[in-house]
PDB file of N, CA and C in Angstrom:
ATOM      1  N   MET A   1      14.736  10.146   9.866  1.00  0.00           N
ATOM      2  CA  MET A   1      13.665   9.172  10.058  1.00  0.00           C
ATOM      3  C   MET A   1      12.884   9.465  11.339  1.00  0.00           C
ATOM      4  N   LYS A   2      13.602   9.848  12.406  1.00  0.00           N
ATOM      5  CA  LYS A   2      12.939  10.164  13.669  1.00  0.00           C
ATOM      6  C   LYS A   2      11.955  11.320  13.486  1.00  0.00           C
ATOM      7  N   THR A   3      12.344  12.316  12.676  1.00  0.00           N
ATOM      8  CA  THR A   3      11.483  13.463  12.439  1.00  0.00           C
ATOM      9  C   THR A   3      10.198  13.045  11.744  1.00  0.00           C
ATOM     10  N   LEU A   4      10.303  12.156  10.764  1.00  0.00           N
ATOM     11  CA  LEU A   4       9.112  11.685  10.047  1.00  0.00           C
ATOM     12  C   LEU A   4       8.169  10.943  10.985  1.00  0.00           C
ATOM     13  N   VAL A   5       8.732  10.183  11.912  1.00  0.00           N
ATOM     14  CA  VAL A   5       7.901   9.479  12.901  1.00  0.00           C
ATOM     15  C   VAL A   5       7.166  10.496  13.780  1.00  0.00           C
ATOM     16  N   LEU A   6       7.866  11.532  14.221  1.00  0.00           N
ATOM     17  CA  LEU A   6       7.223  12.560  15.046  1.00  0.00           C
ATOM     18  C   LEU A   6       6.125  13.286  14.275  1.00  0.00           C
ATOM     19  N   TYR A   7       6.396  13.614  13.009  1.00  0.00           N
ATOM     20  CA  TYR A   7       5.369  14.256  12.191  1.00  0.00           C
ATOM     21  C   TYR A   7       4.151  13.342  12.031  1.00  0.00           C
ATOM     22  N   SER A   8       4.395  12.067  11.851  1.00  0.00           N
ATOM     23  CA  SER A   8       3.288  11.111  11.698  1.00  0.00           C
ATOM     24  C   SER A   8       2.455  11.027  12.975  1.00  0.00           C
ATOM     25  N   ILE A   9       3.128  10.998  14.122  1.00  0.00           N
ATOM     26  CA  ILE A   9       2.409  10.962  15.396  1.00  0.00           C
ATOM     27  C   ILE A   9       1.582  12.233  15.573  1.00  0.00           C
ATOM     28  N   ALA A  10       2.168  13.378  15.245  1.00  0.00           N
ATOM     29  CA  ALA A  10       1.431  14.645  15.346  1.00  0.00           C
ATOM     30  C   ALA A  10       0.201  14.618  14.447  1.00  0.00           C
ATOM     31  N   ALA A  11       0.349  14.133  13.222  1.00  0.00           N
ATOM     32  CA  ALA A  11      -0.789  14.067  12.299  1.00  0.00           C
ATOM     33  C   ALA A  11      -1.881  13.146  12.834  1.00  0.00           C
ATOM     34  N   ILE A  12      -1.487  12.027  13.415  1.00  0.00           N
ATOM     35  CA  ILE A  12      -2.469  11.102  14.001  1.00  0.00           C
ATOM     36  C   ILE A  12      -3.216  11.776  15.148  1.00  0.00           C
ATOM     37  N   MET A  13      -2.487  12.534  15.958  1.00  0.00           N
ATOM     38  CA  MET A  13      -3.126  13.247  17.070  1.00  0.00           C
ATOM     39  C   MET A  13      -4.145  14.260  16.552  1.00  0.00           C
ATOM     40  N   TYR A  14      -3.748  15.014  15.514  1.00  0.00           N
ATOM     41  CA  TYR A  14      -4.652  16.016  14.943  1.00  0.00           C
ATOM     42  C   TYR A  14      -5.905  15.368  14.349  1.00  0.00           C
ATOM     43  N   VAL A  15      -5.731  14.275  13.636  1.00  0.00           N
ATOM     44  CA  VAL A  15      -6.878  13.629  12.989  1.00  0.00           C
ATOM     45  C   VAL A  15      -7.807  12.998  14.024  1.00  0.00           C
ATOM     46  N   THR A  16      -7.224  12.398  15.040  1.00  0.00           N
ATOM     47  CA  THR A  16      -8.058  11.835  16.105  1.00  0.00           C
ATOM     48  C   THR A  16      -8.822  12.951  16.819  1.00  0.00           C
ATOM     49  N   GLY A  17      -8.154  14.069  17.047  1.00  0.00           N
ATOM     50  CA  GLY A  17      -8.833  15.234  17.620  1.00  0.00           C
ATOM     51  C   GLY A  17      -9.936  15.737  16.701  1.00  0.00           C
ATOM     52  N   GLY A  18      -9.686  15.692  15.412  1.00  0.00           N
ATOM     53  CA  GLY A  18     -10.706  16.102  14.442  1.00  0.00           C
ATOM     54  C   GLY A  18     -11.934  15.212  14.494  1.00  0.00           C
ATOM     55  N   ALA A  19     -11.720  13.913  14.669  1.00  0.00           N
ATOM     56  CA  ALA A  19     -12.859  12.994  14.806  1.00  0.00           C
ATOM     57  C   ALA A  19     -13.648  13.327  16.067  1.00  0.00           C
ATOM     58  N   LEU A  20     -12.930  13.680  17.132  1.00  0.00           N
ATOM     59  CA  LEU A  20     -13.625  14.058  18.363  1.00  0.00           C
ATOM     60  C   LEU A  20     -14.398  15.365  18.206  1.00  0.00           C
ATOM     61  N   MET A  21     -13.991  16.202  17.243  1.00  0.00           N
ATOM     62  CA  MET A  21     -14.762  17.422  16.960  1.00  0.00           C
ATOM     63  C   MET A  21     -16.189  17.061  16.575  1.00  0.00           C
ATOM     64  N   LYS A  22     -16.317  16.035  15.727  1.00  0.00           N
ATOM     65  CA  LYS A  22     -17.662  15.619  15.323  1.00  0.00           C
ATOM     66  C   LYS A  22     -18.455  15.106  16.521  1.00  0.00           C
ATOM     67  N   TYR A  23     -17.780  14.334  17.364  1.00  0.00           N
ATOM     68  CA  TYR A  23     -18.453  13.780  18.537  1.00  0.00           C
ATOM     69  C   TYR A  23     -18.746  14.837  19.602  1.00  0.00           C
ATOM     70  N   SER A  24     -18.036  15.957  19.567  1.00  0.00           N
ATOM     71  CA  SER A  24     -18.254  16.994  20.582  1.00  0.00           C
ATOM     72  C   SER A  24     -19.539  17.777  20.334  1.00  0.00           C
ATOM     73  N   GLN A  25     -20.141  17.600  19.155  1.00  0.00           N
ATOM     74  CA  GLN A  25     -21.386  18.288  18.786  1.00  0.00           C
ATOM     75  C   GLN A  25     -21.280  19.790  19.023  1.00  0.00           C
ATOM     76  N   GLY A  26     -20.272  20.368  18.369  1.00  0.00           N
ATOM     77  CA  GLY A  26     -20.097  21.817  18.486  1.00  0.00           C
ATOM     78  C   GLY A  26     -19.568  22.253  19.842  1.00  0.00           C
ATOM     79  N   LEU A  27     -18.717  21.418  20.415  1.00  0.00           N
ATOM     80  CA  LEU A  27     -18.103  21.671  21.722  1.00  0.00           C
ATOM     81  C   LEU A  27     -19.122  21.695  22.863  1.00  0.00           C
ATOM     82  N   THR A  28     -20.220  20.970  22.698  1.00  0.00           N
ATOM     83  CA  THR A  28     -21.241  20.918  23.754  1.00  0.00           C
ATOM     84  C   THR A  28     -21.130  19.668  24.617  1.00  0.00           C
ATOM     85  N   GLN A  29     -20.323  18.691  24.199  1.00  0.00           N
ATOM     86  CA  GLN A  29     -20.133  17.465  24.967  1.00  0.00           C
ATOM     87  C   GLN A  29     -18.755  17.516  25.631  1.00  0.00           C
ATOM     88  N   ALA A  30     -18.728  17.408  26.936  1.00  0.00           N
ATOM     89  CA  ALA A  30     -17.502  17.659  27.712  1.00  0.00           C
ATOM     90  C   ALA A  30     -16.352  16.714  27.369  1.00  0.00           C
ATOM     91  N   LEU A  31     -16.577  15.407  27.374  1.00  0.00           N
ATOM     92  CA  LEU A  31     -15.463  14.476  27.178  1.00  0.00           C
ATOM     93  C   LEU A  31     -14.832  14.589  25.794  1.00  0.00           C
ATOM     94  N   PRO A  32     -15.620  14.597  24.717  1.00  0.00           N
ATOM     95  CA  PRO A  32     -14.978  14.779  23.413  1.00  0.00           C
ATOM     96  C   PRO A  32     -14.263  16.130  23.292  1.00  0.00           C
ATOM     97  N   THR A  33     -14.813  17.162  23.899  1.00  0.00           N
ATOM     98  CA  THR A  33     -14.182  18.485  23.856  1.00  0.00           C
ATOM     99  C   THR A  33     -12.843  18.467  24.593  1.00  0.00           C
ATOM    100  N   LEU A  34     -12.804  17.855  25.761  1.00  0.00           N
ATOM    101  CA  LEU A  34     -11.541  17.730  26.491  1.00  0.00           C
ATOM    102  C   LEU A  34     -10.546  16.886  25.711  1.00  0.00           C
ATOM    103  N   GLY A  35     -11.036  15.814  25.112  1.00  0.00           N
ATOM    104  CA  GLY A  35     -10.170  14.937  24.329  1.00  0.00           C
ATOM    105  C   GLY A  35      -9.560  15.643  23.140  1.00  0.00           C
ATOM    106  N   LEU A  36     -10.376  16.386  22.397  1.00  0.00           N
ATOM    107  CA  LEU A  36      -9.835  17.063  21.215  1.00  0.00           C
ATOM    108  C   LEU A  36      -8.855  18.156  21.614  1.00  0.00           C
ATOM    109  N   THR A  37      -9.113  18.833  22.716  1.00  0.00           N
ATOM    110  CA  THR A  37      -8.187  19.857  23.195  1.00  0.00           C
ATOM    111  C   THR A  37      -6.841  19.228  23.569  1.00  0.00           C
ATOM    112  N   ALA A  38      -6.891  18.121  24.263  1.00  0.00           N
ATOM    113  CA  ALA A  38      -5.660  17.432  24.663  1.00  0.00           C
ATOM    114  C   ALA A  38      -4.902  16.905  23.446  1.00  0.00           C
ATOM    115  N   LEU A  39      -5.621  16.308  22.497  1.00  0.00           N
ATOM    116  CA  LEU A  39      -4.967  15.751  21.313  1.00  0.00           C
ATOM    117  C   LEU A  39      -4.361  16.838  20.436  1.00  0.00           C
ATOM    118  N   PHE A  40      -5.096  17.925  20.206  1.00  0.00           N
ATOM    119  CA  PHE A  40      -4.550  19.013  19.394  1.00  0.00           C
ATOM    120  C   PHE A  40      -3.323  19.631  20.063  1.00  0.00           C
ATOM    121  N   SER A  41      -3.399  19.818  21.370  1.00  0.00           N
ATOM    122  CA  SER A  41      -2.266  20.404  22.097  1.00  0.00           C
ATOM    123  C   SER A  41      -1.045  19.490  22.045  1.00  0.00           C
ATOM    124  N   THR A  42      -1.260  18.213  22.272  1.00  0.00           N
ATOM    125  CA  THR A  42      -0.161  17.261  22.235  1.00  0.00           C
ATOM    126  C   THR A  42       0.427  17.158  20.832  1.00  0.00           C
ATOM    127  N   GLY A  43      -0.449  17.143  19.823  1.00  0.00           N
ATOM    128  CA  GLY A  43       0.025  17.114  18.441  1.00  0.00           C
ATOM    129  C   GLY A  43       0.880  18.318  18.109  1.00  0.00           C
ATOM    130  N   ALA A  44       0.473  19.489  18.579  1.00  0.00           N
ATOM    131  CA  ALA A  44       1.243  20.713  18.323  1.00  0.00           C
ATOM    132  C   ALA A  44       2.601  20.657  19.023  1.00  0.00           C
ATOM    133  N   LEU A  45       2.642  20.132  20.228  1.00  0.00           N
ATOM    134  CA  LEU A  45       3.917  20.018  20.944  1.00  0.00           C
ATOM    135  C   LEU A  45       4.866  19.042  20.239  1.00  0.00           C
ATOM    136  N   ILE A  46       4.326  17.935  19.776  1.00  0.00           N
ATOM    137  CA  ILE A  46       5.151  16.954  19.058  1.00  0.00           C
ATOM    138  C   ILE A  46       5.641  17.542  17.744  1.00  0.00           C
ATOM    139  N   GLN A  47       4.771  18.229  17.030  1.00  0.00           N
ATOM    140  CA  GLN A  47       5.170  18.858  15.774  1.00  0.00           C
ATOM    141  C   GLN A  47       6.248  19.912  16.016  1.00  0.00           C
ATOM    142  N   ALA A  48       6.099  20.685  17.065  1.00  0.00           N
ATOM    143  CA  ALA A  48       7.096  21.710  17.382  1.00  0.00           C
ATOM    144  C   ALA A  48       8.453  21.070  17.668  1.00  0.00           C
ATOM    145  N   ARG A  49       8.440  19.975  18.355  1.00  0.00           N
ATOM    146  CA  ARG A  49       9.693  19.270  18.658  1.00  0.00           C
ATOM    147  C   ARG A  49      10.347  18.771  17.364  1.00  0.00           C
ATOM    148  N   ALA A  50       9.551  18.229  16.465  1.00  0.00           N
ATOM    149  CA  ALA A  50      10.083  17.709  15.202  1.00  0.00           C
ATOM    150  C   ALA A  50      10.598  18.820  14.296  1.00  0.00           C
ATOM    151  N   MET A  51      10.058  20.024  14.425  1.00  0.00           N
ATOM    152  CA  MET A  51      10.407  21.133  13.537  1.00  0.00           C
ATOM    153  C   MET A  51      11.685  21.866  13.950  1.00  0.00           C
ATOM    154  N   ARG A  52      12.337  21.438  14.989  1.00  0.00           N
ATOM    155  CA  ARG A  52      13.504  22.158  15.494  1.00  0.00           C
ATOM    156  C   ARG A  52      14.519  22.500  14.414  1.00  0.00           C
ATOM    157  N   TYR A  53      14.810  21.562  13.551  1.00  0.00           N
ATOM    158  CA  TYR A  53      15.850  21.777  12.556  1.00  0.00           C
ATOM    159  C   TYR A  53      15.307  21.711  11.129  1.00  0.00           C
ATOM    160  N   GLU A  54      14.028  21.888  10.973  1.00  0.00           N
ATOM    161  CA  GLU A  54      13.382  21.788   9.667  1.00  0.00           C
ATOM    162  C   GLU A  54      12.883  23.163   9.235  1.00  0.00           C
ATOM    163  N   GLN A  55      12.673  23.307   7.942  1.00  0.00           N
ATOM    164  CA  GLN A  55      12.064  24.534   7.432  1.00  0.00           C
ATOM    165  C   GLN A  55      10.576  24.518   7.762  1.00  0.00           C
ATOM    166  N   LEU A  56      10.053  25.675   8.090  1.00  0.00           N
ATOM    167  CA  LEU A  56       8.654  25.793   8.482  1.00  0.00           C
ATOM    168  C   LEU A  56       7.718  25.305   7.379  1.00  0.00           C
ATOM    169  N   GLY A  57       7.901  25.810   6.174  1.00  0.00           N
ATOM    170  CA  GLY A  57       6.969  25.494   5.092  1.00  0.00           C
ATOM    171  C   GLY A  57       6.885  24.022   4.769  1.00  0.00           C
ATOM    172  N   SER A  58       8.019  23.391   4.531  1.00  0.00           N
ATOM    173  CA  SER A  58       7.977  21.985   4.126  1.00  0.00           C
ATOM    174  C   SER A  58       7.526  21.083   5.270  1.00  0.00           C
ATOM    175  N   SER A  59       7.903  21.409   6.500  1.00  0.00           N
ATOM    176  CA  SER A  59       7.473  20.575   7.624  1.00  0.00           C
ATOM    177  C   SER A  59       5.976  20.726   7.886  1.00  0.00           C
ATOM    178  N   TYR A  60       5.471  21.927   7.750  1.00  0.00           N
ATOM    179  CA  TYR A  60       4.046  22.160   7.972  1.00  0.00           C
ATOM    180  C   TYR A  60       3.211  21.459   6.900  1.00  0.00           C
ATOM    181  N   ILE A  61       3.669  21.554   5.654  1.00  0.00           N
ATOM    182  CA  ILE A  61       2.965  20.894   4.556  1.00  0.00           C
ATOM    183  C   ILE A  61       2.971  19.383   4.747  1.00  0.00           C
ATOM    184  N   LEU A  62       4.081  18.844   5.229  1.00  0.00           N
ATOM    185  CA  LEU A  62       4.155  17.409   5.469  1.00  0.00           C
ATOM    186  C   LEU A  62       3.094  16.971   6.468  1.00  0.00           C
ATOM    187  N   VAL A  63       3.005  17.668   7.583  1.00  0.00           N
ATOM    188  CA  VAL A  63       2.018  17.305   8.605  1.00  0.00           C
ATOM    189  C   VAL A  63       0.595  17.502   8.065  1.00  0.00           C
ATOM    190  N   LEU A  64       0.351  18.609   7.394  1.00  0.00           N
ATOM    191  CA  LEU A  64      -0.986  18.852   6.834  1.00  0.00           C
ATOM    192  C   LEU A  64      -1.367  17.800   5.807  1.00  0.00           C
ATOM    193  N   GLY A  65      -0.404  17.406   4.986  1.00  0.00           N
ATOM    194  CA  GLY A  65      -0.675  16.373   3.988  1.00  0.00           C
ATOM    195  C   GLY A  65      -0.989  15.028   4.618  1.00  0.00           C
ATOM    196  N   LEU A  66      -0.178  14.641   5.599  1.00  0.00           N
ATOM    197  CA  LEU A  66      -0.455  13.396   6.318  1.00  0.00           C
ATOM    198  C   LEU A  66      -1.809  13.464   7.010  1.00  0.00           C
ATOM    199  N   GLU A  67      -2.079  14.607   7.580  1.00  0.00           N
ATOM    200  CA  GLU A  67      -3.356  14.801   8.268  1.00  0.00           C
ATOM    201  C   GLU A  67      -4.533  14.675   7.296  1.00  0.00           C
ATOM    202  N   ALA A  68      -4.405  15.266   6.120  1.00  0.00           N
ATOM    203  CA  ALA A  68      -5.478  15.183   5.127  1.00  0.00           C
ATOM    204  C   ALA A  68      -5.705  13.737   4.694  1.00  0.00           C
ATOM    205  N   LEU A  69      -4.631  13.036   4.432  1.00  0.00           N
ATOM    206  CA  LEU A  69      -4.739  11.641   4.016  1.00  0.00           C
ATOM    207  C   LEU A  69      -5.383  10.794   5.111  1.00  0.00           C
ATOM    208  N   LEU A  70      -4.926  10.960   6.335  1.00  0.00           N
ATOM    209  CA  LEU A  70      -5.491  10.206   7.449  1.00  0.00           C
ATOM    210  C   LEU A  70      -6.944  10.588   7.722  1.00  0.00           C
ATOM    211  N   ALA A  71      -7.281  11.854   7.534  1.00  0.00           N
ATOM    212  CA  ALA A  71      -8.664  12.297   7.771  1.00  0.00           C
ATOM    213  C   ALA A  71      -9.619  11.650   6.775  1.00  0.00           C
ATOM    214  N   ILE A  72      -9.199  11.525   5.527  1.00  0.00           N
ATOM    215  CA  ILE A  72     -10.040  10.857   4.527  1.00  0.00           C
ATOM    216  C   ILE A  72     -10.269   9.409   4.923  1.00  0.00           C
ATOM    217  N   ILE A  73      -9.186   8.734   5.327  1.00  0.00           N
ATOM    218  CA  ILE A  73      -9.292   7.325   5.721  1.00  0.00           C
ATOM    219  C   ILE A  73     -10.170   7.171   6.960  1.00  0.00           C
ATOM    220  N   LEU A  74      -9.955   8.001   7.964  1.00  0.00           N
ATOM    221  CA  LEU A  74     -10.745   7.909   9.190  1.00  0.00           C
ATOM    222  C   LEU A  74     -12.211   8.243   8.933  1.00  0.00           C
ATOM    223  N   GLY A  75     -12.459   9.229   8.080  1.00  0.00           N
ATOM    224  CA  GLY A  75     -13.832   9.571   7.731  1.00  0.00           C
ATOM    225  C   GLY A  75     -14.557   8.408   7.081  1.00  0.00           C
ATOM    226  N   MET A  76     -13.850   7.678   6.240  1.00  0.00           N
ATOM    227  CA  MET A  76     -14.454   6.507   5.595  1.00  0.00           C
ATOM    228  C   MET A  76     -14.720   5.401   6.611  1.00  0.00           C
ATOM    229  N   LEU A  77     -13.764   5.179   7.515  1.00  0.00           N
ATOM    230  CA  LEU A  77     -13.900   4.084   8.481  1.00  0.00           C
ATOM    231  C   LEU A  77     -14.909   4.377   9.586  1.00  0.00           C
ATOM    232  N   LEU A  78     -14.853   5.591  10.144  1.00  0.00           N
ATOM    233  CA  LEU A  78     -15.714   5.911  11.287  1.00  0.00           C
ATOM    234  C   LEU A  78     -17.091   6.426  10.903  1.00  0.00           C
ATOM    235  N   PHE A  79     -17.139   7.225   9.848  1.00  0.00           N
ATOM    236  CA  PHE A  79     -18.378   7.940   9.542  1.00  0.00           C
ATOM    237  C   PHE A  79     -19.016   7.516   8.219  1.00  0.00           C
ATOM    238  N   GLY A  80     -18.454   6.499   7.575  1.00  0.00           N
ATOM    239  CA  GLY A  80     -19.028   5.995   6.333  1.00  0.00           C
ATOM    240  C   GLY A  80     -18.966   6.985   5.181  1.00  0.00           C
ATOM    241  N   GLU A  81     -18.017   7.915   5.229  1.00  0.00           N
ATOM    242  CA  GLU A  81     -17.886   8.898   4.150  1.00  0.00           C
ATOM    243  C   GLU A  81     -17.336   8.219   2.903  1.00  0.00           C
ATOM    244  N   GLN A  82     -17.728   8.721   1.747  1.00  0.00           N
ATOM    245  CA  GLN A  82     -17.323   8.143   0.473  1.00  0.00           C
ATOM    246  C   GLN A  82     -16.111   8.872  -0.094  1.00  0.00           C
ATOM    247  N   LEU A  83     -15.276   8.148  -0.817  1.00  0.00           N
ATOM    248  CA  LEU A  83     -14.129   8.736  -1.488  1.00  0.00           C
ATOM    249  C   LEU A  83     -14.511   8.988  -2.941  1.00  0.00           C
ATOM    250  N   SER A  84     -14.654  10.254  -3.287  1.00  0.00           N
ATOM    251  CA  SER A  84     -15.015  10.612  -4.662  1.00  0.00           C
ATOM    252  C   SER A  84     -13.761  10.652  -5.525  1.00  0.00           C
ATOM    253  N   GLY A  85     -13.960  10.688  -6.811  1.00  0.00           N
ATOM    254  CA  GLY A  85     -12.839  10.819  -7.728  1.00  0.00           C
ATOM    255  C   GLY A  85     -12.088  12.114  -7.501  1.00  0.00           C
ATOM    256  N   ARG A  86     -12.810  13.164  -7.227  1.00  0.00           N
ATOM    257  CA  ARG A  86     -12.189  14.465  -6.955  1.00  0.00           C
ATOM    258  C   ARG A  86     -11.331  14.407  -5.697  1.00  0.00           C
ATOM    259  N   ALA A  87     -11.833  13.751  -4.654  1.00  0.00           N
ATOM    260  CA  ALA A  87     -11.057  13.624  -3.421  1.00  0.00           C
ATOM    261  C   ALA A  87      -9.814  12.769  -3.655  1.00  0.00           C
ATOM    262  N   ALA A  88      -9.954  11.692  -4.409  1.00  0.00           N
ATOM    263  CA  ALA A  88      -8.806  10.831  -4.708  1.00  0.00           C
ATOM    264  C   ALA A  88      -7.745  11.606  -5.492  1.00  0.00           C
ATOM    265  N   ALA A  89      -8.178  12.422  -6.445  1.00  0.00           N
ATOM    266  CA  ALA A  89      -7.235  13.242  -7.216  1.00  0.00           C
ATOM    267  C   ALA A  89      -6.551  14.256  -6.305  1.00  0.00           C
ATOM    268  N   GLY A  90      -7.298  14.867  -5.411  1.00  0.00           N
ATOM    269  CA  GLY A  90      -6.727  15.827  -4.474  1.00  0.00           C
ATOM    270  C   GLY A  90      -5.699  15.185  -3.565  1.00  0.00           C
ATOM    271  N   ILE A  91      -6.003  13.996  -3.061  1.00  0.00           N
ATOM    272  CA  ILE A  91      -5.058  13.277  -2.204  1.00  0.00           C
ATOM    273  C   ILE A  91      -3.784  12.959  -2.978  1.00  0.00           C
ATOM    274  N   THR A  92      -3.948  12.534  -4.204  1.00  0.00           N
ATOM    275  CA  THR A  92      -2.788  12.229  -5.043  1.00  0.00           C
ATOM    276  C   THR A  92      -1.910  13.462  -5.214  1.00  0.00           C
ATOM    277  N   LEU A  93      -2.524  14.609  -5.470  1.00  0.00           N
ATOM    278  CA  LEU A  93      -1.751  15.844  -5.622  1.00  0.00           C
ATOM    279  C   LEU A  93      -1.043  16.242  -4.327  1.00  0.00           C
ATOM    280  N   VAL A  94      -1.712  16.050  -3.207  1.00  0.00           N
ATOM    281  CA  VAL A  94      -1.102  16.367  -1.912  1.00  0.00           C
ATOM    282  C   VAL A  94       0.116  15.472  -1.675  1.00  0.00           C
ATOM    283  N   VAL A  95      -0.029  14.182  -1.943  1.00  0.00           N
ATOM    284  CA  VAL A  95       1.083  13.252  -1.739  1.00  0.00           C
ATOM    285  C   VAL A  95       2.251  13.607  -2.660  1.00  0.00           C
ATOM    286  N   ILE A  96       1.956  13.938  -3.908  1.00  0.00           N
ATOM    287  CA  ILE A  96       3.015  14.360  -4.835  1.00  0.00           C
ATOM    288  C   ILE A  96       3.699  15.626  -4.309  1.00  0.00           C
ATOM    289  N   GLY A  97       2.915  16.564  -3.817  1.00  0.00           N
ATOM    290  CA  GLY A  97       3.478  17.792  -3.255  1.00  0.00           C
ATOM    291  C   GLY A  97       4.381  17.517  -2.059  1.00  0.00           C
ATOM    292  N   ILE A  98       3.978  16.605  -1.194  1.00  0.00           N
ATOM    293  CA  ILE A  98       4.792  16.246  -0.032  1.00  0.00           C
ATOM    294  C   ILE A  98       6.114  15.655  -0.488  1.00  0.00           C
ATOM    295  N   VAL A  99       6.050  14.754  -1.456  1.00  0.00           N
ATOM    296  CA  VAL A  99       7.265  14.120  -1.948  1.00  0.00           C
ATOM    297  C   VAL A  99       8.196  15.170  -2.565  1.00  0.00           C
ATOM    298  N   LEU A 100       7.629  16.089  -3.338  1.00  0.00           N
ATOM    299  CA  LEU A 100       8.452  17.135  -3.963  1.00  0.00           C
ATOM    300  C   LEU A 100       9.110  18.050  -2.933  1.00  0.00           C
ATOM    301  N   LEU A 101       8.368  18.381  -1.880  1.00  0.00           N
ATOM    302  CA  LEU A 101       8.918  19.265  -0.848  1.00  0.00           C
ATOM    303  C   LEU A 101       9.889  18.540   0.084  1.00  0.00           C
ATOM    304  N   ARG A 102       9.607  17.311   0.353  1.00  0.00           N
ATOM    305  CA  ARG A 102      10.399  16.580   1.338  1.00  0.00           C
ATOM    306  C   ARG A 102      11.682  15.993   0.760  1.00  0.00           C
ATOM    307  N   PHE A 103      11.622  15.592  -0.490  1.00  0.00           N
ATOM    308  CA  PHE A 103      12.768  14.923  -1.119  1.00  0.00           C
ATOM    309  C   PHE A 103      13.206  15.655  -2.370  1.00  0.00           C
ATOM    310  N   PRO A 104      13.813  16.829  -2.215  1.00  0.00           N
ATOM    311  CA  PRO A 104      14.199  17.621  -3.388  1.00  0.00           C
ATOM    312  C   PRO A 104      15.338  17.003  -4.177  1.00  0.00           C
TER     313      PRO A 104
END
């Protein structure tokens, strides 16, 4: 359970850093650029800590899947992005893949 919490925190850090990518305007704005660098670095450190006793593939997919799901949600909330049927189907497949890899 502790590992899943760490993976979730890492995914949140990555997605928040991703939102700052948009605000950095191509890395031309100092504060968002510093923020995204700090968040990505911290997310990677947390993920590395959680991966100590996990397989690389399944742990990486878990974080990427959580990140994708959170990015869709954050995009809708912050940037008014729409959720298409194709995106919803893709998210569903990612979640199914995570469950299959995580809970064999």
